[in-house]
Amino acid sequence: MSGGADPRAADAFQAFYRRAWHDAVRWATALTGSMAAGEDLAQDAFGRVRSRFASIDNADGYLRATIVNLARDQRRSADRRAARELRVVGDPTAAAVETREPSVLRALANLPYEQRATLVLRYWADWDEATIAAALGCRAATVRSHAKRGLDALRKSVDADGTNTEIGR
């Protein structure tokens, strides 16, 4: 901390960080499909929250929105990078898949971003449709559509792996 920082504000942020870290990593991991990327994204989100912590009314909500936005940015960047690599290298199916990820995380990672974000925010973060719609910049009806399509695709993918079929029921 810098010499002029309020120690009470620093203590409050440290308490917030300790309390919220686990959930932030869990949501970020589900959104990115990778534990390592999820931890990095959560740490970046906390860095952004820290810079505005004293002026934020709802730090939990700000953190969740920051995680969603960073994951969206990361996905867009990865999509652009993959398109560039495909033009240069060729077939992307030869890329290695992280084998230690649970089947649900692998299935989530294969969903379109909006469906993945909707499922993560609804079932892991326990957000309501209106909050998810605000975070994703769409209507509540669109959130319901993303949730249904995402759950259908997730069930199909996980069923193909021969694992649990009770997802989202």
Protein backbone atom coordinates (compact mmCIF):
# COMPACT_ATOMS: atom_id res chain seq x y z
CA MET A 1 0.00 0.00 0.00
CA SER A 2 1.15 3.52 -0.59
CA GLY A 3 1.99 5.74 2.35
CA GLY A 4 -1.17 7.86 2.05
CA ALA A 5 -3.68 4.99 1.87
CA ASP A 6 -6.30 4.60 4.58
CA PRO A 7 -5.46 1.43 6.57
CA ARG A 8 -9.18 0.82 7.27
CA ALA A 9 -9.91 0.77 3.55
CA ALA A 10 -7.02 -1.63 2.99
CA ASP A 11 -8.33 -3.89 5.78
CA ALA A 12 -11.85 -3.78 4.32
CA PHE A 13 -10.57 -4.75 0.87
CA GLN A 14 -8.44 -7.57 2.31
CA ALA A 15 -11.48 -8.94 4.15
CA PHE A 16 -13.53 -8.70 0.96
CA TYR A 17 -10.78 -10.44 -1.03
CA ARG A 18 -10.53 -13.31 1.47
CA ARG A 19 -14.31 -13.74 1.53
CA ALA A 20 -14.94 -13.49 -2.21
CA TRP A 21 -11.82 -15.14 -3.71
CA HIS A 22 -13.10 -18.72 -3.84
CA ASP A 23 -16.39 -17.84 -5.54
CA ALA A 24 -14.68 -15.47 -7.96
CA VAL A 25 -12.26 -18.21 -9.06
CA ARG A 26 -15.12 -20.71 -9.36
CA TRP A 27 -17.17 -18.40 -11.62
CA ALA A 28 -14.17 -17.33 -13.67
CA THR A 29 -13.09 -20.97 -14.12
CA ALA A 30 -16.55 -21.93 -15.31
CA LEU A 31 -16.62 -19.00 -17.73
CA THR A 32 -13.16 -19.67 -19.15
CA GLY A 33 -13.15 -23.46 -18.96
CA SER A 34 -9.74 -23.56 -17.32
CA MET A 35 -8.69 -23.35 -13.68
CA ALA A 36 -5.48 -21.48 -14.50
CA ALA A 37 -7.27 -18.97 -16.73
CA GLY A 38 -10.00 -18.63 -14.11
CA GLU A 39 -7.50 -17.80 -11.38
CA ASP A 40 -5.78 -15.24 -13.60
CA LEU A 41 -9.08 -13.67 -14.57
CA ALA A 42 -10.26 -13.52 -10.93
CA GLN A 43 -7.00 -11.87 -9.91
CA ASP A 44 -7.37 -9.29 -12.69
CA ALA A 45 -10.94 -8.63 -11.57
CA PHE A 46 -9.84 -8.06 -7.98
CA GLY A 47 -7.20 -5.64 -9.24
CA ARG A 48 -9.88 -3.62 -10.98
CA VAL A 49 -12.16 -3.73 -7.96
CA ARG A 50 -9.28 -2.66 -5.69
CA SER A 51 -8.67 0.51 -7.66
CA ARG A 52 -12.29 1.60 -7.07
CA PHE A 53 -13.12 -0.22 -3.83
CA ALA A 54 -13.68 2.90 -1.72
CA SER A 55 -16.25 4.30 -4.16
CA ILE A 56 -18.16 1.08 -4.95
CA ASP A 57 -21.54 0.62 -3.26
CA ASN A 58 -21.86 -3.09 -4.09
CA ALA A 59 -18.41 -4.65 -4.30
CA ASP A 60 -19.78 -8.17 -4.83
CA GLY A 61 -21.89 -7.10 -7.78
CA TYR A 62 -19.06 -5.02 -9.23
CA LEU A 63 -16.70 -8.01 -8.92
CA ARG A 64 -19.16 -10.36 -10.66
CA ALA A 65 -19.80 -7.89 -13.47
CA THR A 66 -16.05 -7.38 -13.86
CA ILE A 67 -15.49 -11.15 -14.08
CA VAL A 68 -18.20 -11.47 -16.75
CA ASN A 69 -16.76 -8.59 -18.77
CA LEU A 70 -13.18 -9.82 -18.50
CA ALA A 71 -14.25 -13.33 -19.54
CA ARG A 72 -16.12 -11.87 -22.52
CA ASP A 73 -13.06 -9.84 -23.51
CA GLN A 74 -10.82 -12.89 -23.10
CA ARG A 75 -13.15 -14.99 -25.24
CA ARG A 76 -13.24 -12.37 -27.99
CA SER A 77 -9.47 -12.11 -27.92
CA ALA A 78 -9.11 -15.90 -28.04
CA ASP A 79 -11.56 -16.10 -30.96
CA ARG A 80 -9.58 -13.49 -32.89
CA ARG A 81 -6.31 -15.28 -32.09
CA ALA A 82 -7.79 -18.64 -33.17
CA ALA A 83 -8.98 -17.14 -36.45
CA ARG A 84 -5.51 -15.73 -37.11
CA GLU A 85 -3.87 -19.06 -36.24
CA LEU A 86 -6.32 -20.95 -38.44
CA ARG A 87 -5.38 -18.74 -41.38
CA VAL A 88 -1.70 -19.36 -40.73
CA VAL A 89 -1.53 -22.92 -39.40
CA GLY A 90 -4.63 -24.77 -40.52
CA ASP A 91 -6.82 -27.25 -38.61
CA PRO A 92 -7.59 -26.19 -35.00
CA THR A 93 -8.85 -29.66 -34.03
CA ALA A 94 -5.28 -30.77 -33.44
CA ALA A 95 -5.03 -28.47 -30.41
CA ALA A 96 -4.53 -30.25 -27.10
CA VAL A 97 -7.38 -30.26 -24.59
CA GLU A 98 -6.68 -30.01 -20.88
CA THR A 99 -7.37 -33.55 -19.74
CA ARG A 100 -7.73 -32.84 -16.03
CA GLU A 101 -10.81 -30.65 -16.40
CA PRO A 102 -14.05 -32.26 -15.27
CA SER A 103 -16.42 -33.21 -18.07
CA VAL A 104 -18.90 -30.46 -17.18
CA LEU A 105 -16.21 -27.78 -17.46
CA ARG A 106 -15.13 -29.19 -20.82
CA ALA A 107 -18.75 -29.21 -21.97
CA LEU A 108 -19.22 -25.64 -20.70
CA ALA A 109 -16.10 -24.51 -22.53
CA ASN A 110 -17.60 -25.74 -25.82
CA LEU A 111 -20.78 -23.68 -25.43
CA PRO A 112 -21.13 -20.27 -27.06
CA TYR A 113 -20.09 -17.54 -24.62
CA GLU A 114 -23.60 -16.20 -23.95
CA GLN A 115 -24.95 -19.66 -23.10
CA ARG A 116 -21.95 -20.45 -20.90
CA ALA A 117 -22.16 -17.12 -19.07
CA THR A 118 -25.91 -17.54 -18.55
CA LEU A 119 -25.51 -21.02 -17.05
CA VAL A 120 -22.60 -20.03 -14.83
CA LEU A 121 -24.32 -16.92 -13.55
CA ARG A 122 -27.65 -18.66 -13.02
CA TYR A 123 -26.53 -21.94 -11.44
CA TRP A 124 -23.17 -21.12 -9.84
CA ALA A 125 -23.55 -17.47 -8.98
CA ASP A 126 -27.33 -17.82 -8.33
CA TRP A 127 -28.20 -14.64 -10.23
CA ASP A 128 -31.76 -13.94 -11.33
CA GLU A 129 -32.68 -13.43 -15.00
CA ALA A 130 -32.86 -9.63 -14.75
CA THR A 131 -29.36 -9.38 -13.28
CA ILE A 132 -27.93 -11.75 -15.89
CA ALA A 133 -29.68 -9.79 -18.65
CA ALA A 134 -28.16 -6.54 -17.38
CA ALA A 135 -24.68 -8.08 -17.18
CA LEU A 136 -24.88 -9.56 -20.69
CA GLY A 137 -26.64 -6.58 -22.23
CA CYS A 138 -29.74 -8.45 -23.40
CA ARG A 139 -33.38 -9.02 -22.42
CA ALA A 140 -34.60 -11.50 -19.79
CA ALA A 141 -36.29 -13.54 -22.54
CA THR A 142 -32.92 -13.87 -24.26
CA VAL A 143 -31.41 -15.09 -20.98
CA ARG A 144 -34.12 -17.78 -20.78
CA SER A 145 -33.36 -18.80 -24.37
CA HIS A 146 -29.60 -18.96 -23.69
CA ALA A 147 -30.27 -21.02 -20.55
CA LYS A 148 -32.49 -23.54 -22.34
CA ARG A 149 -30.19 -23.92 -25.32
CA GLY A 150 -27.12 -24.10 -23.09
CA LEU A 151 -28.65 -26.73 -20.81
CA ASP A 152 -29.80 -28.80 -23.80
CA ALA A 153 -26.33 -28.70 -25.34
CA LEU A 154 -24.66 -29.36 -21.98
CA ARG A 155 -26.88 -32.38 -21.30
CA LYS A 156 -26.21 -33.75 -24.77
CA SER A 157 -22.46 -33.27 -24.42
CA VAL A 158 -22.25 -34.74 -20.92
CA ASP A 159 -24.56 -37.64 -21.89
CA ALA A 160 -22.18 -38.41 -24.77
CA ASP A 161 -19.36 -38.68 -22.22
CA GLY A 162 -21.44 -41.20 -20.25
CA THR A 163 -21.63 -39.06 -17.12
CA ASN A 164 -24.38 -37.44 -15.06
CA THR A 165 -27.60 -36.58 -16.93
CA GLU A 166 -29.22 -34.53 -14.16
CA ILE A 167 -27.69 -31.19 -15.15
CA GLY A 168 -29.92 -28.20 -14.44
CA ARG A 169 -32.97 -30.27 -13.45
